[in-house]
C-alpha atoms as a PDB file:
ATOM      1  CA  MET A   1      79.752 -95.661 236.318  1.00  0.00           C
ATOM      2  CA  LYS A   2      78.486 -94.447 239.692  1.00  0.00           C
ATOM      3  CA  LYS A   3      76.862 -90.964 238.986  1.00  0.00           C
ATOM      4  CA  ARG A   4      78.444 -87.907 240.517  1.00  0.00           C
ATOM      5  CA  HIS A   5      76.263 -85.927 243.217  1.00  0.00           C
ATOM      6  CA  TYR A   6      76.430 -82.263 243.004  1.00  0.00           C
ATOM      7  CA  ASN A   7      74.232 -80.100 245.297  1.00  0.00           C
ATOM      8  CA  ILE A   8      73.280 -76.193 244.104  1.00  0.00           C
ATOM      9  CA  PRO A   9      72.861 -74.420 247.515  1.00  0.00           C
ATOM     10  CA  VAL A  10      70.567 -71.817 248.200  1.00  0.00           C
ATOM     11  CA  PHE A  11      70.654 -70.260 251.693  1.00  0.00           C
ATOM     12  CA  ILE A  12      67.383 -69.171 253.427  1.00  0.00           C
ATOM     13  CA  PRO A  13      68.115 -67.179 256.521  1.00  0.00           C
ATOM     14  CA  GLU A  14      66.322 -67.991 259.988  1.00  0.00           C
ATOM     15  CA  LEU A  15      63.332 -65.625 259.503  1.00  0.00           C
ATOM     16  CA  ALA A  16      60.671 -67.864 260.107  1.00  0.00           C
ATOM     17  CA  CYS A  17      61.980 -69.400 263.105  1.00  0.00           C
ATOM     18  CA  PRO A  18      60.535 -68.205 266.571  1.00  0.00           C
ATOM     19  CA  PHE A  19      63.074 -69.735 268.576  1.00  0.00           C
ATOM     20  CA  GLN A  20      66.701 -68.647 269.253  1.00  0.00           C
ATOM     21  CA  CYS A  21      68.909 -71.442 269.972  1.00  0.00           C
ATOM     22  CA  ILE A  22      71.714 -70.247 272.227  1.00  0.00           C
ATOM     23  CA  TYR A  23      74.218 -71.135 269.838  1.00  0.00           C
ATOM     24  CA  CYS A  24      72.232 -69.618 266.791  1.00  0.00           C
ATOM     25  CA  ASN A  25      73.096 -66.657 264.684  1.00  0.00           C
ATOM     26  CA  GLN A  26      71.963 -67.637 261.523  1.00  0.00           C
ATOM     27  CA  GLN A  27      72.842 -64.505 259.588  1.00  0.00           C
ATOM     28  CA  LYS A  28      76.702 -64.722 260.982  1.00  0.00           C
ATOM     29  CA  ILE A  29      76.631 -68.273 259.378  1.00  0.00           C
ATOM     30  CA  SER A  30      75.043 -67.985 256.308  1.00  0.00           C
ATOM     31  CA  GLY A  31      75.974 -64.340 255.562  1.00  0.00           C
ATOM     32  CA  ARG A  32      72.578 -63.447 254.333  1.00  0.00           C
ATOM     33  CA  LEU A  33      70.436 -60.880 255.894  1.00  0.00           C
ATOM     34  CA  LYS A  34      66.970 -61.632 253.686  1.00  0.00           C
ATOM     35  CA  ILE A  35      65.614 -64.382 251.628  1.00  0.00           C
ATOM     36  CA  PRO A  36      67.224 -63.995 248.249  1.00  0.00           C
ATOM     37  CA  SER A  37      65.213 -62.751 245.338  1.00  0.00           C
ATOM     38  CA  ASP A  38      64.039 -64.595 242.377  1.00  0.00           C
ATOM     39  CA  GLU A  39      66.763 -63.244 240.337  1.00  0.00           C
ATOM     40  CA  GLU A  40      69.452 -64.406 242.719  1.00  0.00           C
ATOM     41  CA  ILE A  41      68.035 -67.726 242.773  1.00  0.00           C
ATOM     42  CA  VAL A  42      67.768 -68.180 239.067  1.00  0.00           C
ATOM     43  CA  LYS A  43      71.464 -66.821 238.502  1.00  0.00           C
ATOM     44  CA  THR A  44      72.893 -69.138 241.245  1.00  0.00           C
ATOM     45  CA  ILE A  45      71.338 -72.002 239.801  1.00  0.00           C
ATOM     46  CA  ASN A  46      72.550 -70.987 236.214  1.00  0.00           C
ATOM     47  CA  ASP A  47      75.631 -70.342 237.519  1.00  0.00           C
ATOM     48  CA  HIS A  48      76.041 -73.823 239.155  1.00  0.00           C
ATOM     49  CA  LEU A  49      74.601 -75.655 235.874  1.00  0.00           C
ATOM     50  CA  SER A  50      77.075 -74.104 233.919  1.00  0.00           C
ATOM     51  CA  THR A  51      79.942 -75.782 235.777  1.00  0.00           C
ATOM     52  CA  ILE A  52      78.236 -79.133 236.378  1.00  0.00           C
ATOM     53  CA  PRO A  53      79.019 -81.824 233.472  1.00  0.00           C
ATOM     54  CA  GLU A  54      75.915 -82.700 231.786  1.00  0.00           C
ATOM     55  CA  GLU A  55      76.060 -86.382 231.787  1.00  0.00           C
ATOM     56  CA  ASP A  56      76.677 -89.018 234.342  1.00  0.00           C
ATOM     57  CA  ASN A  57      75.338 -86.767 237.206  1.00  0.00           C
ATOM     58  CA  GLU A  58      72.608 -86.266 239.778  1.00  0.00           C
ATOM     59  CA  VAL A  59      71.888 -82.973 240.522  1.00  0.00           C
ATOM     60  CA  GLU A  60      69.751 -81.377 243.316  1.00  0.00           C
ATOM     61  CA  LEU A  61      68.560 -77.726 244.657  1.00  0.00           C
ATOM     62  CA  ALA A  62      69.332 -77.760 247.998  1.00  0.00           C
ATOM     63  CA  PHE A  63      67.256 -75.032 250.265  1.00  0.00           C
ATOM     64  CA  PHE A  64      69.502 -74.587 253.191  1.00  0.00           C
ATOM     65  CA  GLY A  65      70.086 -72.044 256.255  1.00  0.00           C
ATOM     66  CA  GLY A  66      66.716 -71.612 257.631  1.00  0.00           C
ATOM     67  CA  ASN A  67      63.372 -73.172 258.930  1.00  0.00           C
ATOM     68  CA  PHE A  68      62.018 -73.556 255.508  1.00  0.00           C
ATOM     69  CA  THR A  69      58.781 -75.278 256.144  1.00  0.00           C
ATOM     70  CA  GLY A  70      58.087 -72.294 258.923  1.00  0.00           C
ATOM     71  CA  ILE A  71      58.308 -69.576 256.221  1.00  0.00           C
ATOM     72  CA  ASP A  72      54.963 -67.923 254.958  1.00  0.00           C
ATOM     73  CA  VAL A  73      53.307 -70.631 252.748  1.00  0.00           C
ATOM     74  CA  GLU A  74      53.360 -68.264 249.586  1.00  0.00           C
ATOM     75  CA  ASP A  75      56.996 -67.846 249.702  1.00  0.00           C
ATOM     76  CA  ARG A  76      57.304 -71.256 250.076  1.00  0.00           C
ATOM     77  CA  ARG A  77      55.395 -71.758 246.976  1.00  0.00           C
ATOM     78  CA  ARG A  78      57.514 -68.975 245.013  1.00  0.00           C
ATOM     79  CA  LEU A  79      60.837 -70.932 246.064  1.00  0.00           C
ATOM     80  CA  LEU A  80      59.784 -74.009 245.030  1.00  0.00           C
ATOM     81  CA  GLY A  81      58.049 -72.607 241.966  1.00  0.00           C
ATOM     82  CA  LEU A  82      61.295 -71.259 240.460  1.00  0.00           C
ATOM     83  CA  VAL A  83      62.853 -74.917 240.357  1.00  0.00           C
ATOM     84  CA  GLN A  84      60.065 -76.083 238.362  1.00  0.00           C
ATOM     85  CA  PRO A  85      61.445 -75.324 234.942  1.00  0.00           C
ATOM     86  CA  TYR A  86      64.645 -77.296 235.764  1.00  0.00           C
ATOM     87  CA  LEU A  87      62.973 -80.315 237.220  1.00  0.00           C
ATOM     88  CA  LYS A  88      60.723 -80.665 233.970  1.00  0.00           C
ATOM     89  CA  ALA A  89      63.795 -80.098 231.591  1.00  0.00           C
ATOM     90  CA  GLY A  90      65.914 -82.715 233.737  1.00  0.00           C
ATOM     91  CA  SER A  91      68.564 -80.345 234.439  1.00  0.00           C
ATOM     92  CA  ILE A  92      67.769 -80.506 238.179  1.00  0.00           C
ATOM     93  CA  GLY A  93      66.806 -84.086 239.492  1.00  0.00           C
ATOM     94  CA  GLY A  94      65.127 -83.211 242.704  1.00  0.00           C
ATOM     95  CA  ILE A  95      64.869 -80.822 245.731  1.00  0.00           C
ATOM     96  CA  ARG A  96      66.092 -81.185 249.120  1.00  0.00           C
ATOM     97  CA  LEU A  97      65.397 -78.809 252.149  1.00  0.00           C
ATOM     98  CA  SER A  98      66.301 -78.456 255.828  1.00  0.00           C
ATOM     99  CA  THR A  99      63.884 -77.627 258.752  1.00  0.00           C
ATOM    100  CA  ARG A 100      62.955 -78.209 262.380  1.00  0.00           C
ATOM    101  CA  PRO A 101      61.362 -81.419 263.607  1.00  0.00           C
ATOM    102  CA  ASP A 102      58.141 -79.297 264.991  1.00  0.00           C
ATOM    103  CA  TYR A 103      57.311 -77.754 261.544  1.00  0.00           C
ATOM    104  CA  ILE A 104      56.355 -80.850 260.117  1.00  0.00           C
ATOM    105  CA  ASP A 105      52.656 -82.091 259.404  1.00  0.00           C
ATOM    106  CA  GLU A 106      50.796 -83.902 256.583  1.00  0.00           C
ATOM    107  CA  ASP A 107      49.453 -80.742 254.644  1.00  0.00           C
ATOM    108  CA  ILE A 108      53.223 -79.496 254.405  1.00  0.00           C
ATOM    109  CA  LEU A 109      54.858 -82.826 253.150  1.00  0.00           C
ATOM    110  CA  LYS A 110      51.857 -83.224 250.537  1.00  0.00           C
ATOM    111  CA  MET A 111      52.752 -79.610 249.231  1.00  0.00           C
ATOM    112  CA  LEU A 112      56.690 -80.579 249.136  1.00  0.00           C
ATOM    113  CA  LYS A 113      55.949 -83.685 247.206  1.00  0.00           C
ATOM    114  CA  ASP A 114      53.952 -81.920 244.763  1.00  0.00           C
ATOM    115  CA  PHE A 115      56.694 -79.558 244.273  1.00  0.00           C
ATOM    116  CA  GLY A 116      59.237 -82.262 243.568  1.00  0.00           C
ATOM    117  CA  VAL A 117      60.885 -82.278 247.301  1.00  0.00           C
ATOM    118  CA  LYS A 118      62.781 -85.373 247.597  1.00  0.00           C
ATOM    119  CA  THR A 119      64.676 -85.106 250.481  1.00  0.00           C
ATOM    120  CA  VAL A 120      63.770 -83.554 254.121  1.00  0.00           C
ATOM    121  CA  GLU A 121      66.445 -83.048 256.501  1.00  0.00           C
ATOM    122  CA  ILE A 122      65.553 -82.237 260.264  1.00  0.00           C
ATOM    123  CA  GLY A 123      67.835 -80.432 262.461  1.00  0.00           C
ATOM    124  CA  ALA A 124      67.648 -82.749 265.252  1.00  0.00           C
ATOM    125  CA  GLN A 125      70.767 -81.707 266.975  1.00  0.00           C
ATOM    126  CA  SER A 126      70.497 -84.069 269.812  1.00  0.00           C
ATOM    127  CA  MET A 127      68.253 -86.961 270.826  1.00  0.00           C
ATOM    128  CA  ASP A 128      69.006 -85.809 274.653  1.00  0.00           C
ATOM    129  CA  ASP A 129      66.029 -84.227 275.927  1.00  0.00           C
ATOM    130  CA  ASN A 130      68.310 -82.259 278.546  1.00  0.00           C
ATOM    131  CA  VAL A 131      70.755 -81.295 275.832  1.00  0.00           C
ATOM    132  CA  LEU A 132      67.899 -79.932 273.947  1.00  0.00           C
ATOM    133  CA  ARG A 133      66.624 -78.002 276.887  1.00  0.00           C
ATOM    134  CA  LEU A 134      70.003 -76.360 277.753  1.00  0.00           C
ATOM    135  CA  SER A 135      70.209 -75.482 274.028  1.00  0.00           C
ATOM    136  CA  LYS A 136      66.803 -73.828 274.158  1.00  0.00           C
ATOM    137  CA  ARG A 137      65.905 -75.733 271.051  1.00  0.00           C
ATOM    138  CA  GLY A 138      62.090 -75.276 271.926  1.00  0.00           C
ATOM    139  CA  HIS A 139      61.219 -79.252 270.905  1.00  0.00           C
ATOM    140  CA  THR A 140      61.933 -82.629 272.409  1.00  0.00           C
ATOM    141  CA  SER A 141      63.355 -85.773 270.624  1.00  0.00           C
ATOM    142  CA  LYS A 142      59.524 -86.818 270.570  1.00  0.00           C
ATOM    143  CA  ASP A 143      59.036 -84.179 268.117  1.00  0.00           C
ATOM    144  CA  THR A 144      61.922 -85.599 266.102  1.00  0.00           C
ATOM    145  CA  GLU A 145      60.454 -88.889 266.217  1.00  0.00           C
ATOM    146  CA  LYS A 146      57.168 -88.011 264.975  1.00  0.00           C
ATOM    147  CA  ALA A 147      58.736 -85.974 262.176  1.00  0.00           C
ATOM    148  CA  ALA A 148      60.812 -88.783 261.023  1.00  0.00           C
ATOM    149  CA  GLY A 149      57.952 -91.236 260.795  1.00  0.00           C
ATOM    150  CA  MET A 150      55.956 -88.657 259.019  1.00  0.00           C
ATOM    151  CA  ILE A 151      58.385 -88.169 256.642  1.00  0.00           C
ATOM    152  CA  LEU A 152      59.546 -91.593 255.784  1.00  0.00           C
ATOM    153  CA  LYS A 153      55.905 -92.460 255.453  1.00  0.00           C
ATOM    154  CA  GLU A 154      55.473 -90.170 252.674  1.00  0.00           C
ATOM    155  CA  GLY A 155      58.051 -91.448 250.672  1.00  0.00           C
ATOM    156  CA  PHE A 156      60.940 -88.976 251.323  1.00  0.00           C
ATOM    157  CA  SER A 157      64.467 -89.471 251.924  1.00  0.00           C
ATOM    158  CA  LEU A 158      65.035 -88.508 255.618  1.00  0.00           C
ATOM    159  CA  GLY A 159      68.206 -86.434 256.776  1.00  0.00           C
ATOM    160  CA  LEU A 160      68.387 -85.924 260.452  1.00  0.00           C
ATOM    161  CA  GLN A 161      71.262 -83.774 261.261  1.00  0.00           C
ATOM    162  CA  MET A 162      73.179 -83.380 264.458  1.00  0.00           C
ATOM    163  CA  MET A 163      75.661 -81.284 266.784  1.00  0.00           C
ATOM    164  CA  ILE A 164      78.068 -82.429 269.267  1.00  0.00           C
ATOM    165  CA  GLY A 165      79.511 -80.266 271.890  1.00  0.00           C
ATOM    166  CA  LEU A 166      76.252 -78.599 272.813  1.00  0.00           C
ATOM    167  CA  PRO A 167      75.940 -77.998 276.582  1.00  0.00           C
ATOM    168  CA  GLY A 168      75.340 -80.979 278.258  1.00  0.00           C
ATOM    169  CA  ASP A 169      76.722 -83.242 275.512  1.00  0.00           C
ATOM    170  CA  THR A 170      78.802 -85.949 276.404  1.00  0.00           C
ATOM    171  CA  PRO A 171      80.310 -88.665 274.087  1.00  0.00           C
ATOM    172  CA  GLU A 172      77.916 -90.954 275.484  1.00  0.00           C
ATOM    173  CA  SER A 173      75.038 -89.017 274.545  1.00  0.00           C
ATOM    174  CA  ALA A 174      76.595 -88.219 271.517  1.00  0.00           C
ATOM    175  CA  LYS A 175      76.433 -92.052 270.686  1.00  0.00           C
ATOM    176  CA  PHE A 176      73.072 -92.126 272.008  1.00  0.00           C
ATOM    177  CA  THR A 177      71.829 -89.894 269.193  1.00  0.00           C
ATOM    178  CA  ALA A 178      73.725 -91.292 266.478  1.00  0.00           C
ATOM    179  CA  ARG A 179      71.849 -94.579 267.409  1.00  0.00           C
ATOM    180  CA  ARG A 180      68.660 -93.047 267.477  1.00  0.00           C
ATOM    181  CA  ILE A 181      68.916 -91.249 264.201  1.00  0.00           C
ATOM    182  CA  ILE A 182      70.137 -94.635 262.729  1.00  0.00           C
ATOM    183  CA  GLU A 183      67.039 -96.359 264.392  1.00  0.00           C
ATOM    184  CA  LEU A 184      64.670 -93.687 263.232  1.00  0.00           C
ATOM    185  CA  GLY A 185      65.639 -94.774 259.465  1.00  0.00           C
ATOM    186  CA  ALA A 186      67.404 -91.731 258.360  1.00  0.00           C
ATOM    187  CA  ASP A 187      69.796 -92.408 254.995  1.00  0.00           C
ATOM    188  CA  ASN A 188      71.770 -89.424 255.536  1.00  0.00           C
ATOM    189  CA  THR A 189      73.056 -87.153 258.300  1.00  0.00           C
ATOM    190  CA  ARG A 190      75.402 -84.194 258.949  1.00  0.00           C
ATOM    191  CA  ILE A 191      77.626 -83.741 262.216  1.00  0.00           C
ATOM    192  CA  TYR A 192      78.298 -80.156 263.130  1.00  0.00           C
ATOM    193  CA  PRO A 193      80.746 -79.615 266.034  1.00  0.00           C
ATOM    194  CA  THR A 194      79.046 -76.601 268.147  1.00  0.00           C
ATOM    195  CA  LEU A 195      80.930 -73.403 267.590  1.00  0.00           C
ATOM    196  CA  VAL A 196      80.659 -70.201 269.671  1.00  0.00           C
ATOM    197  CA  ILE A 197      79.375 -67.392 267.331  1.00  0.00           C
ATOM    198  CA  ARG A 198      79.451 -63.603 268.126  1.00  0.00           C
ATOM    199  CA  ASP A 199      76.196 -62.492 269.364  1.00  0.00           C
ATOM    200  CA  THR A 200      74.768 -65.540 270.599  1.00  0.00           C
ATOM    201  CA  VAL A 201      73.722 -66.638 274.199  1.00  0.00           C
ATOM    202  CA  LEU A 202      76.388 -69.132 273.909  1.00  0.00           C
ATOM    203  CA  GLU A 203      79.081 -66.181 273.396  1.00  0.00           C
ATOM    204  CA  ARG A 204      77.872 -64.920 276.620  1.00  0.00           C
ATOM    205  CA  MET A 205      78.188 -68.311 278.537  1.00  0.00           C
ATOM    206  CA  PHE A 206      81.261 -68.767 277.082  1.00  0.00           C
ATOM    207  CA  ARG A 207      82.880 -65.568 278.089  1.00  0.00           C
ATOM    208  CA  ASP A 208      81.557 -66.053 281.536  1.00  0.00           C
ATOM    209  CA  GLY A 209      83.008 -69.496 281.931  1.00  0.00           C
ATOM    210  CA  ARG A 210      79.778 -71.425 281.829  1.00  0.00           C
ATOM    211  CA  PHE A 211      80.541 -73.219 278.620  1.00  0.00           C
ATOM    212  CA  LYS A 212      83.552 -74.618 277.194  1.00  0.00           C
ATOM    213  CA  PRO A 213      83.657 -75.653 273.568  1.00  0.00           C
ATOM    214  CA  LEU A 214      85.011 -79.043 272.593  1.00  0.00           C
ATOM    215  CA  SER A 215      89.032 -78.786 271.500  1.00  0.00           C
ATOM    216  CA  LEU A 216      89.438 -79.633 267.807  1.00  0.00           C
ATOM    217  CA  GLU A 217      91.063 -83.007 269.135  1.00  0.00           C
ATOM    218  CA  GLU A 218      88.244 -83.634 270.835  1.00  0.00           C
ATOM    219  CA  ALA A 219      85.584 -82.887 268.235  1.00  0.00           C
ATOM    220  CA  VAL A 220      87.766 -84.984 265.944  1.00  0.00           C
ATOM    221  CA  GLY A 221      87.851 -87.861 268.175  1.00  0.00           C
ATOM    222  CA  TRP A 222      83.951 -87.861 268.812  1.00  0.00           C
ATOM    223  CA  SER A 223      83.293 -87.413 265.230  1.00  0.00           C
ATOM    224  CA  LYS A 224      85.457 -90.436 264.128  1.00  0.00           C
ATOM    225  CA  GLU A 225      83.379 -92.835 266.369  1.00  0.00           C
ATOM    226  CA  LEU A 226      80.161 -91.355 265.053  1.00  0.00           C
ATOM    227  CA  LEU A 227      81.365 -91.683 261.479  1.00  0.00           C
ATOM    228  CA  LEU A 228      82.211 -95.423 262.263  1.00  0.00           C
ATOM    229  CA  MET A 229      78.700 -95.912 263.544  1.00  0.00           C
ATOM    230  CA  PHE A 230      76.955 -94.257 260.625  1.00  0.00           C
ATOM    231  CA  GLU A 231      79.007 -96.050 258.137  1.00  0.00           C
ATOM    232  CA  LYS A 232      78.150 -99.475 259.543  1.00  0.00           C
ATOM    233  CA  ALA A 233      74.578 -98.905 259.808  1.00  0.00           C
ATOM    234  CA  GLY A 234      74.680 -97.682 255.983  1.00  0.00           C
ATOM    235  CA  VAL A 235      73.705 -93.941 257.113  1.00  0.00           C
ATOM    236  CA  LYS A 236      75.539 -91.483 254.621  1.00  0.00           C
ATOM    237  CA  VAL A 237      77.111 -88.881 256.314  1.00  0.00           C
ATOM    238  CA  ILE A 238      76.889 -85.773 253.912  1.00  0.00           C
ATOM    239  CA  LYS A 239      78.664 -83.285 255.923  1.00  0.00           C
ATOM    240  CA  LEU A 240      81.330 -82.851 258.712  1.00  0.00           C
ATOM    241  CA  GLY A 241      82.098 -79.575 259.920  1.00  0.00           C
ATOM    242  CA  LEU A 242      80.233 -76.336 259.259  1.00  0.00           C
ATOM    243  CA  HIS A 243      80.443 -74.762 256.022  1.00  0.00           C
ATOM    244  CA  PRO A 244      83.612 -72.234 255.831  1.00  0.00           C
ATOM    245  CA  SER A 245      81.761 -69.176 255.396  1.00  0.00           C
ATOM    246  CA  GLU A 246      83.608 -65.803 254.835  1.00  0.00           C
ATOM    247  CA  GLY A 247      82.872 -64.664 258.597  1.00  0.00           C
ATOM    248  CA  LEU A 248      84.338 -67.946 259.902  1.00  0.00           C
ATOM    249  CA  LEU A 249      87.434 -68.050 257.898  1.00  0.00           C
ATOM    250  CA  SER A 250      88.472 -64.454 259.036  1.00  0.00           C
ATOM    251  CA  GLY A 251      87.824 -64.957 262.438  1.00  0.00           C
ATOM    252  CA  ASP A 252      85.720 -62.029 262.334  1.00  0.00           C
ATOM    253  CA  GLU A 253      82.452 -64.197 263.674  1.00  0.00           C
ATOM    254  CA  LEU A 254      83.904 -67.174 265.378  1.00  0.00           C
ATOM    255  CA  ILE A 255      84.827 -66.678 268.941  1.00  0.00           C
ATOM    256  CA  ALA A 256      85.694 -70.339 269.847  1.00  0.00           C
ATOM    257  CA  GLY A 257      85.412 -73.720 269.136  1.00  0.00           C
ATOM    258  CA  PRO A 258      86.444 -76.699 267.002  1.00  0.00           C
ATOM    259  CA  PHE A 259      86.234 -74.997 263.412  1.00  0.00           C
ATOM    260  CA  HIS A 260      88.783 -76.394 260.914  1.00  0.00           C
ATOM    261  CA  GLN A 261      88.486 -75.818 257.095  1.00  0.00           C
ATOM    262  CA  SER A 262      89.555 -79.346 256.593  1.00  0.00           C
ATOM    263  CA  PHE A 263      87.762 -80.975 259.444  1.00  0.00           C
ATOM    264  CA  ARG A 264      86.357 -83.960 257.646  1.00  0.00           C
ATOM    265  CA  GLU A 265      90.162 -84.830 256.624  1.00  0.00           C
ATOM    266  CA  LEU A 266      91.329 -84.723 259.747  1.00  0.00           C
ATOM    267  CA  VAL A 267      88.394 -87.238 261.049  1.00  0.00           C
ATOM    268  CA  LEU A 268      89.236 -89.500 257.922  1.00  0.00           C
ATOM    269  CA  THR A 269      92.979 -88.828 258.859  1.00  0.00           C
ATOM    270  CA  GLU A 270      92.725 -90.456 262.396  1.00  0.00           C
ATOM    271  CA  ILE A 271      90.400 -93.420 261.011  1.00  0.00           C
ATOM    272  CA  TRP A 272      93.405 -94.378 258.799  1.00  0.00           C
ATOM    273  CA  SER A 273      95.800 -93.641 261.811  1.00  0.00           C
ATOM    274  CA  ASP A 274      94.022 -96.381 263.670  1.00  0.00           C
ATOM    275  CA  ILE A 275      94.212 -98.708 260.671  1.00  0.00           C
ATOM    276  CA  LEU A 276      97.700 -98.368 260.232  1.00  0.00           C
ATOM    277  CA  ARG A 277      99.028 -97.959 263.929  1.00  0.00           C
ATOM    278  CA  PRO A 278      99.455-101.981 264.380  1.00  0.00           C
ATOM    279  CA  LEU A 279     102.136-101.766 261.642  1.00  0.00           C
ATOM    280  CA  ILE A 280     104.030 -99.969 264.327  1.00  0.00           C
ATOM    281  CA  ASP A 281     103.278-101.998 267.056  1.00  0.00           C
ATOM    282  CA  GLY A 282     103.778-105.417 265.280  1.00  0.00           C
ATOM    283  CA  LYS A 283     107.269-103.389 264.061  1.00  0.00           C
ATOM    284  CA  GLU A 284     108.028-102.834 267.643  1.00  0.00           C
ATOM    285  CA  GLN A 285     107.509-106.530 268.614  1.00  0.00           C
ATOM    286  CA  ASN A 286     109.971-107.299 266.112  1.00  0.00           C
ATOM    287  CA  THR A 287     112.726-105.253 267.032  1.00  0.00           C
ATOM    288  CA  LYS A 288     112.953-106.925 270.778  1.00  0.00           C
ATOM    289  CA  LEU A 289     114.345-109.933 268.895  1.00  0.00           C
ATOM    290  CA  ARG A 290     116.555-108.140 266.142  1.00  0.00           C
ATOM    291  CA  ASN A 291     120.228-108.971 266.453  1.00  0.00           C
ATOM    292  CA  GLU A 292     122.518-106.072 268.278  1.00  0.00           C
ATOM    293  CA  ASN A 293     124.796-105.539 265.201  1.00  0.00           C
ATOM    294  CA  GLU A 294     121.717-105.062 262.599  1.00  0.00           C
ATOM    295  CA  PRO A 295     120.533-101.318 261.941  1.00  0.00           C
ATOM    296  CA  GLU A 296     117.326-100.151 263.585  1.00  0.00           C
ATOM    297  CA  TYR A 297     114.011 -99.675 261.127  1.00  0.00           C
ATOM    298  CA  SER A 298     115.848-100.633 257.951  1.00  0.00           C
ATOM    299  CA  GLU A 299     112.979-101.789 256.568  1.00  0.00           C
ATOM    300  CA  GLU A 300     111.236-100.103 253.349  1.00  0.00           C
ATOM    301  CA  ILE A 301     107.335-100.284 253.181  1.00  0.00           C
ATOM    302  CA  GLU A 302     105.160 -99.533 250.326  1.00  0.00           C
ATOM    303  CA  ILE A 303     101.347 -99.397 251.264  1.00  0.00           C
ATOM    304  CA  HIS A 304      98.516 -99.801 248.765  1.00  0.00           C
ATOM    305  CA  VAL A 305      95.214 -97.955 249.725  1.00  0.00           C
ATOM    306  CA  PRO A 306      92.044 -97.279 247.427  1.00  0.00           C
ATOM    307  CA  VAL A 307      92.361 -94.184 245.071  1.00  0.00           C
ATOM    308  CA  ASP A 308      89.775 -92.118 247.069  1.00  0.00           C
ATOM    309  CA  GLN A 309      91.327 -92.901 250.419  1.00  0.00           C
ATOM    310  CA  PHE A 310      94.762 -92.001 249.288  1.00  0.00           C
ATOM    311  CA  ASN A 311      94.836 -88.373 250.800  1.00  0.00           C
ATOM    312  CA  TYR A 312      93.609 -89.903 254.156  1.00  0.00           C
ATOM    313  CA  ALA A 313      95.871 -92.479 254.269  1.00  0.00           C
ATOM    314  CA  VAL A 314      98.808 -90.294 253.823  1.00  0.00           C
ATOM    315  CA  GLY A 315      97.058 -88.158 256.585  1.00  0.00           C
ATOM    316  CA  TYR A 316      96.584 -84.425 256.651  1.00  0.00           C
ATOM    317  CA  ARG A 317      99.764 -82.661 255.978  1.00  0.00           C
ATOM    318  CA  GLY A 318     101.254 -86.233 255.995  1.00  0.00           C
ATOM    319  CA  LYS A 319     100.650 -87.376 259.434  1.00  0.00           C
ATOM    320  CA  ASN A 320     100.289 -90.908 259.249  1.00  0.00           C
ATOM    321  CA  LYS A 321     103.195 -91.107 256.597  1.00  0.00           C
ATOM    322  CA  LYS A 322     105.283 -89.254 259.449  1.00  0.00           C
ATOM    323  CA  MET A 323     103.725 -91.522 262.351  1.00  0.00           C
ATOM    324  CA  LEU A 324     105.358 -94.754 259.975  1.00  0.00           C
ATOM    325  CA  SER A 325     108.368 -92.967 259.025  1.00  0.00           C
ATOM    326  CA  GLY A 326     109.350 -92.980 262.591  1.00  0.00           C
ATOM    327  CA  ARG A 327     109.625 -96.816 262.377  1.00  0.00           C
ATOM    328  CA  PHE A 328     110.589 -97.465 258.598  1.00  0.00           C
ATOM    329  CA  SER A 329     113.450 -96.141 256.712  1.00  0.00           C
ATOM    330  CA  ASN A 330     111.391 -95.541 253.738  1.00  0.00           C
ATOM    331  CA  VAL A 331     107.509 -95.161 253.644  1.00  0.00           C
ATOM    332  CA  LYS A 332     105.545 -95.250 250.143  1.00  0.00           C
ATOM    333  CA  PHE A 333     101.702 -94.801 249.681  1.00  0.00           C
ATOM    334  CA  VAL A 334     100.336 -96.192 246.291  1.00  0.00           C
ATOM    335  CA  ARG A 335      96.970 -95.575 244.641  1.00  0.00           C
ATOM    336  CA  ASP A 336      95.576 -98.914 244.157  1.00  0.00           C
ATOM    337  CA  LYS A 337      92.219 -99.207 241.578  1.00  0.00           C
ATOM    338  CA  VAL A 338      91.795-102.470 242.787  1.00  0.00           C
ATOM    339  CA  LEU A 339      91.040-102.201 246.319  1.00  0.00           C
ATOM    340  CA  SER A 340      87.872-100.387 247.764  1.00  0.00           C
ATOM    341  CA  GLY A 341      86.351 -99.226 251.037  1.00  0.00           C
ATOM    342  CA  ARG A 342      89.516 -98.802 253.483  1.00  0.00           C
ATOM    343  CA  ASP A 343      91.277-102.217 252.487  1.00  0.00           C
ATOM    344  CA  PHE A 344      94.929-101.956 252.201  1.00  0.00           C
ATOM    345  CA  LYS A 345      97.643-104.188 251.258  1.00  0.00           C
ATOM    346  CA  ILE A 346     101.546-103.817 251.825  1.00  0.00           C
ATOM    347  CA  VAL A 347     103.885-104.597 249.034  1.00  0.00           C
ATOM    348  CA  ASN A 348     107.707-104.670 248.718  1.00  0.00           C
ATOM    349  CA  LEU A 349     108.066-104.961 252.578  1.00  0.00           C
ATOM    350  CA  ARG A 350     111.703-105.882 253.560  1.00  0.00           C
END
């Protein structure tokens, strides 16, 4: 049986970052104003572990939300040290963290390895240097390439995160970034549509008419293409869309942009829409030969899909089922334990 993966997230604010990317207000996104105390971290770990089954699982402690390798070395040691008892007990299997590509060197990686870090995620955001410049990232694509090589050389799992819809970004440059992430050897990635957050440079650009965020439809369409690219290359997309923090859900901090609580489901719905649409196309071709006295769209259709794809096949709010219902008198989706991937089969079609 495949083990289920669990992350225990600990959010570290952007205290160590000397740069101010135009889209960034880390405190608004993570909801944290300071590095959490030892007691808070231990409580977070224990609270999560109490809800995780003791068998058939893989648990990682994940330091997210900031430039982890840029914080003071003693703070780094303290934070990593808090996890050591759990690593020794086997209740946590490893540590993952996120940082910038220009805050990686051999000494840092040696320290991370000594403390049981297994995965290092880099905020590449884009591999297009023009996009990086316009976003005031403070690093180039070469920095990402160098960091990726060092991380892999030291035996870590490599994650390369990307953002879509930044100033200067296009569908072509986003695909270029995805290709480079694949070529650099990442085994996991995250895709974040750019959002306009309150009190950022990007908010001023948006209000001045100098920046237009992607629409939700555009962001879903771009992400669909990127997800398929990564899947084909064997790169796991572990996140689609920004974490729905309280400020984003209430709308207090989100000014504009393609935020949706079910962003991943929207993307997967569109993938299944593309898969199922030929059923309509074929049906429409057949109706051209239909006898004038035959009732239109009288067939019933039963679609068997893998268990884990059922919701996406039906579609967000039943979108794909509604699409098919416009052409068939009755549409039924069935969970099929034998099927895997995005395979499907038609049963009882008449």
